[in-house]
């Protein structure tokens, strides 16, 4: 949680970063990034919120895949601010909590099927194992681009399920006091210390004991 009481918003409701900005942030364009982008936009629009300055909006992601980067950029929910929480269940599901409105929505990516997916999945194995030929690599990235564009343009109802859920957000991020680990001498958040043989040490030193 940031030490600030300034609740100014970076963006007005209805104005959000373009997908190209997400690509720059993430490092490449891909179908996963596109699904996260669509989920983020759907949530912001359903909740009628702007990109927040602090923790006015909280995201709980059930995957740690590429789409999470688009969600960070669009929603302003980040690990550093403590308003992005990841439970990696391997599911493309995201729940968004708008604290100032006492509302929450759950976004399920119900359909990621696009033309050429079967061929793309087969080529992916070759490309990432390093055995793909140059034409196979070219074809794979062509299919990736086509799939990404399709996911950016498919009607929302065909791709996502948006459900209003009970407002039960995670606790706000805490500001911890820094203490010194007596074993390694390194600074550590006090709440992260662990007691081993009656002595409080950092998690790294605790694993060594």
Foldseek 3Di string as FASTA:
>chain_A
DDPDPDWDFPDAQPDWDDLVVLCVQLVHFFQLLLLLLLQLNVFSNVVRGGQIDAQQKAKEFQAPDSSVSNNCRGNVHDVVRVRYHYNPPVFGKMKMARNVVQWIKIKHFPDLDDPCPVVLVVLVVCVVVVNDDPVSVVVNVVVRVVSSVCSNPPPCVVTMDIGIDHRDDDDGDDDFDWDAFPPPRDIDGPVQWDADPNGTGHPVVNVVD
